[in-house]
Amino acid sequence: MSEQQVHESAGPVTSSPAAQPDLSALAVALLKGVIYREDDEALWGSLLNLQARVRDYVAVLGLDLVLDEAEGYAFLRSRAQAEDEDANARMPRLVARRPLAFPVSLLLALLRKKLAEFDAAGGDTRLVLTRDEMVELVRVFLPDSSNEARLIDQIESHINKVVDLGFLRRLRPAGGSAAAPASYEVRRILKAFVDAQWLADFDARLAAYRARLAGDAAAAGAADE
């Protein structure tokens, strides 16, 4: 899994022609990161109106526009290159791919499964989890630790990484109370990066996760001896 990044409206909101961003402005916004409908409906409406031209525009850079009208997000992804393509003819990647730390990949997989279960149950469109709920999701797959506080700190650092990646959004405490438990919204763009086929193989992947974690724990124990 590599690094890469929620809501209903009555329909796309469009700006007056004079207020619409031009093609370059839309491309720049996409190159900076994900465009969400909920964050800027005018920009989102312009993107819907100009999406065909945006696709042609970014294709010159070797990028594809991924746009999900139902979920309300859009982003750019590097175009897949054929394995038999001449290496010298391949375009350099504008969007870098960087491997994720193993526990971060595990957390993303667990959040994706939680989102699928949430959608199957119907109801609200926003999946909100507390920090403690995410700690419980992950800890059952991690080696036992005698230092509870250290384990929670480690999981919290993984949560913060997922926030940085854009798959979680930290919510403000209810009533502005700093003592309220930290809550996070699972952003639906996660579905674009952990697809249904990957999720179908989830149990097999979790078995691989457990085996790897057990191996890491055994190696760490041997190093301490």
Protein backbone atom coordinates (compact mmCIF):
# COMPACT_ATOMS: atom_id res chain seq x y z
CA MET A 1 0.00 0.00 0.00
CA SER A 2 1.34 3.46 -0.79
CA GLU A 3 0.70 6.95 0.38
CA GLN A 4 -1.79 8.89 -1.43
CA GLN A 5 -6.13 10.54 0.34
CA VAL A 6 -17.72 12.72 2.69
CA HIS A 7 -21.35 13.88 2.20
CA GLU A 8 -24.51 14.47 0.29
CA SER A 9 -25.84 17.56 -1.45
CA ALA A 10 -28.89 18.28 -3.52
CA GLY A 11 -26.67 18.45 -6.59
CA PRO A 12 -23.53 20.12 -7.94
CA VAL A 13 -23.31 23.80 -7.14
CA THR A 14 -21.98 25.90 -9.99
CA SER A 15 -20.60 29.39 -9.98
CA SER A 16 -21.41 32.13 -12.42
CA PRO A 17 -19.14 32.03 -15.49
CA ALA A 18 -17.21 35.06 -14.28
CA ALA A 19 -16.45 33.40 -10.92
CA GLN A 20 -15.40 30.01 -12.29
CA PRO A 21 -11.74 29.11 -11.79
CA ASP A 22 -9.93 28.59 -15.07
CA LEU A 23 -8.38 25.32 -16.11
CA SER A 24 -4.96 26.18 -14.68
CA ALA A 25 -6.42 27.11 -11.30
CA LEU A 26 -8.26 23.78 -11.09
CA ALA A 27 -5.09 21.88 -12.04
CA VAL A 28 -3.08 23.72 -9.40
CA ALA A 29 -5.71 22.97 -6.74
CA LEU A 30 -5.60 19.27 -7.65
CA LEU A 31 -1.80 19.18 -7.66
CA LYS A 32 -1.86 20.57 -4.13
CA GLY A 33 -4.08 17.76 -2.89
CA VAL A 34 -7.60 16.37 -2.74
CA ILE A 35 -10.58 18.56 -3.63
CA TYR A 36 -13.63 17.88 -1.45
CA ARG A 37 -17.12 19.05 -2.34
CA GLU A 38 -17.84 19.92 1.29
CA ASP A 39 -14.79 22.19 1.52
CA ASP A 40 -15.48 24.36 -1.54
CA GLU A 41 -18.72 23.75 -3.42
CA ALA A 42 -18.00 26.49 -5.97
CA LEU A 43 -14.66 24.90 -6.86
CA TRP A 44 -16.30 21.47 -6.92
CA GLY A 45 -19.02 22.72 -9.29
CA SER A 46 -16.41 24.19 -11.63
CA LEU A 47 -14.51 20.89 -11.61
CA LEU A 48 -17.66 19.00 -12.59
CA ASN A 49 -18.30 21.42 -15.46
CA LEU A 50 -14.72 21.31 -16.74
CA GLN A 51 -13.75 17.75 -15.84
CA ALA A 52 -13.26 16.58 -19.44
CA ARG A 53 -10.86 19.45 -20.10
CA VAL A 54 -9.10 18.86 -16.77
CA ARG A 55 -8.54 15.20 -17.70
CA ASP A 56 -6.94 16.21 -21.00
CA TYR A 57 -4.90 18.90 -19.26
CA VAL A 58 -3.36 16.67 -16.57
CA ALA A 59 -2.86 13.77 -19.00
CA VAL A 60 0.05 15.75 -20.47
CA LEU A 61 1.72 15.34 -17.06
CA GLY A 62 1.08 11.59 -16.99
CA LEU A 63 -1.74 11.95 -14.47
CA ASP A 64 -5.33 10.70 -14.30
CA LEU A 65 -8.20 12.55 -12.63
CA VAL A 66 -10.06 10.38 -10.12
CA LEU A 67 -13.45 11.98 -9.43
CA ASP A 68 -16.23 10.43 -7.34
CA GLU A 69 -19.38 12.53 -7.56
CA ALA A 70 -21.32 10.33 -5.12
CA GLU A 71 -18.69 10.60 -2.37
CA GLY A 72 -17.67 14.15 -3.23
CA TYR A 73 -13.91 14.04 -3.75
CA ALA A 74 -11.38 14.29 -6.57
CA PHE A 75 -7.62 13.81 -6.80
CA LEU A 76 -4.83 13.12 -9.27
CA ARG A 77 -3.13 9.76 -9.63
CA SER A 78 -0.12 8.78 -11.74
CA ARG A 79 -1.13 6.96 -14.89
CA ALA A 80 -0.32 3.24 -14.90
CA GLN A 81 2.59 2.36 -17.17
CA ALA A 82 2.91 -0.91 -19.06
CA GLU A 83 5.54 -3.29 -17.68
CA ASP A 84 6.93 -3.86 -21.16
CA GLU A 85 7.26 -0.14 -21.83
CA ASP A 86 10.77 1.07 -22.59
CA ALA A 87 12.24 2.41 -19.33
CA ASN A 88 13.79 5.33 -21.20
CA ALA A 89 10.37 6.28 -22.60
CA ARG A 90 8.60 6.25 -19.26
CA MET A 91 7.57 9.58 -17.86
CA PRO A 92 8.96 10.40 -14.39
CA ARG A 93 6.33 10.11 -11.66
CA LEU A 94 4.98 13.50 -10.61
CA VAL A 95 3.10 11.95 -7.68
CA ALA A 96 5.65 10.03 -5.62
CA ARG A 97 4.90 6.60 -4.18
CA ARG A 98 6.27 5.94 -0.71
CA PRO A 99 5.85 2.73 1.29
CA LEU A 100 3.90 3.02 4.52
CA ALA A 101 5.02 1.67 7.85
CA PHE A 102 3.47 -1.71 8.54
CA PRO A 103 1.22 -0.64 11.48
CA VAL A 104 -0.09 2.31 9.44
CA SER A 105 -1.07 -0.06 6.63
CA LEU A 106 -2.81 -2.25 9.20
CA LEU A 107 -4.75 0.70 10.61
CA LEU A 108 -5.83 1.77 7.10
CA ALA A 109 -7.06 -1.75 6.37
CA LEU A 110 -9.03 -1.91 9.62
CA LEU A 111 -10.58 1.51 9.01
CA ARG A 112 -11.57 0.45 5.48
CA LYS A 113 -13.29 -2.65 6.83
CA LYS A 114 -15.04 -0.55 9.48
CA LEU A 115 -16.24 1.84 6.77
CA ALA A 116 -17.63 -1.06 4.71
CA GLU A 117 -19.52 -2.37 7.75
CA PHE A 118 -20.79 1.11 8.51
CA ASP A 119 -22.08 1.60 4.96
CA ALA A 120 -23.77 -1.82 4.98
CA ALA A 121 -25.68 -0.82 8.13
CA GLY A 122 -27.05 2.32 6.43
CA GLY A 123 -27.96 5.49 8.29
CA ASP A 124 -25.50 8.33 8.71
CA THR A 125 -22.97 9.11 5.97
CA ARG A 126 -20.17 10.03 8.40
CA LEU A 127 -18.21 7.40 10.29
CA VAL A 128 -16.78 8.95 13.45
CA LEU A 129 -14.49 7.02 15.78
CA THR A 130 -12.81 8.04 19.02
CA ARG A 131 -9.12 7.56 19.62
CA ASP A 132 -9.92 4.81 22.14
CA GLU A 133 -12.05 2.95 19.59
CA MET A 134 -9.20 2.98 17.08
CA VAL A 135 -6.73 1.86 19.74
CA GLU A 136 -8.98 -1.16 20.40
CA LEU A 137 -9.22 -1.87 16.66
CA VAL A 138 -5.45 -2.12 16.32
CA ARG A 139 -4.21 -3.48 19.63
CA VAL A 140 -5.66 -6.99 19.15
CA PHE A 141 -3.31 -7.44 16.19
CA LEU A 142 -0.21 -6.17 17.96
CA PRO A 143 2.12 -8.17 20.21
CA ASP A 144 1.27 -8.09 23.90
CA SER A 145 3.04 -5.34 25.80
CA SER A 146 3.59 -4.89 29.50
CA ASN A 147 3.78 -1.14 28.96
CA GLU A 148 0.19 -0.08 28.23
CA ALA A 149 0.97 3.63 28.01
CA ARG A 150 3.77 3.04 25.50
CA LEU A 151 1.52 0.85 23.34
CA ILE A 152 -1.21 3.51 23.27
CA ASP A 153 1.35 6.20 22.39
CA GLN A 154 2.58 4.09 19.48
CA ILE A 155 -0.94 3.54 18.15
CA GLU A 156 -1.69 7.24 18.54
CA SER A 157 1.38 8.07 16.43
CA HIS A 158 -0.02 5.77 13.70
CA ILE A 159 -3.38 7.56 13.95
CA ASN A 160 -1.61 10.90 13.52
CA LYS A 161 0.13 9.56 10.41
CA VAL A 162 -3.23 8.56 8.92
CA VAL A 163 -4.48 12.06 9.69
CA ASP A 164 -1.47 13.49 7.83
CA LEU A 165 -2.26 11.24 4.87
CA GLY A 166 -5.76 12.67 4.72
CA PHE A 167 -7.73 9.50 5.51
CA LEU A 168 -8.81 10.73 8.95
CA ARG A 169 -9.98 14.19 9.96
CA ARG A 170 -9.56 15.25 13.56
CA LEU A 171 -12.79 16.75 14.90
CA ARG A 172 -13.10 19.55 17.39
CA PRO A 173 -14.13 18.43 20.89
CA ALA A 174 -17.86 18.76 21.57
CA GLY A 175 -18.59 21.96 23.42
CA GLY A 176 -14.97 23.04 23.04
CA SER A 177 -13.94 20.95 26.05
CA ALA A 178 -10.29 19.92 25.93
CA ALA A 179 -11.14 17.05 28.27
CA ALA A 180 -13.51 15.42 25.74
CA PRO A 181 -12.14 12.27 24.06
CA ALA A 182 -10.45 12.86 20.70
CA SER A 183 -12.73 11.98 17.79
CA TYR A 184 -11.95 11.46 14.11
CA GLU A 185 -14.00 11.23 10.94
CA VAL A 186 -12.99 8.45 8.55
CA ARG A 187 -12.77 10.19 5.18
CA ARG A 188 -14.50 8.30 2.42
CA ILE A 189 -11.61 8.81 0.01
CA LEU A 190 -10.09 5.80 1.79
CA LYS A 191 -12.38 3.67 -0.42
CA ALA A 192 -10.41 4.78 -3.49
CA PHE A 193 -7.13 3.48 -2.06
CA VAL A 194 -8.32 0.28 -0.42
CA ASP A 195 -10.69 -1.15 -3.03
CA ALA A 196 -13.40 -3.81 -2.78
CA GLN A 197 -11.17 -6.58 -4.14
CA TRP A 198 -8.49 -5.79 -1.57
CA LEU A 199 -11.16 -5.85 1.12
CA ALA A 200 -12.45 -9.22 -0.10
CA ASP A 201 -9.01 -10.67 0.64
CA PHE A 202 -8.92 -8.98 4.04
CA ASP A 203 -8.98 -12.12 6.20
CA ALA A 204 -6.02 -13.60 4.33
CA ARG A 205 -4.16 -10.32 4.65
CA LEU A 206 -4.85 -10.18 8.39
CA ALA A 207 -3.38 -13.67 8.74
CA ALA A 208 -0.27 -12.37 6.97
CA TYR A 209 -0.23 -9.35 9.29
CA ARG A 210 -0.40 -11.59 12.36
CA ALA A 211 2.41 -13.79 11.06
CA ARG A 212 4.61 -10.80 10.35
CA LEU A 213 3.88 -9.19 13.72
CA ALA A 214 4.65 -12.47 15.49
CA GLY A 215 7.92 -12.69 13.57
CA ASP A 216 8.84 -9.11 14.48
CA ALA A 217 8.07 -9.80 18.16
CA ALA A 218 10.16 -12.99 18.15
CA ALA A 219 13.06 -11.14 16.51
CA ALA A 220 12.84 -8.36 19.07
CA GLY A 221 12.81 -10.90 21.91
CA ALA A 222 15.87 -12.65 20.54
CA ALA A 223 17.71 -9.33 20.24
CA ASP A 224 17.03 -8.58 23.91
CA GLU A 225 18.51 -11.87 25.07
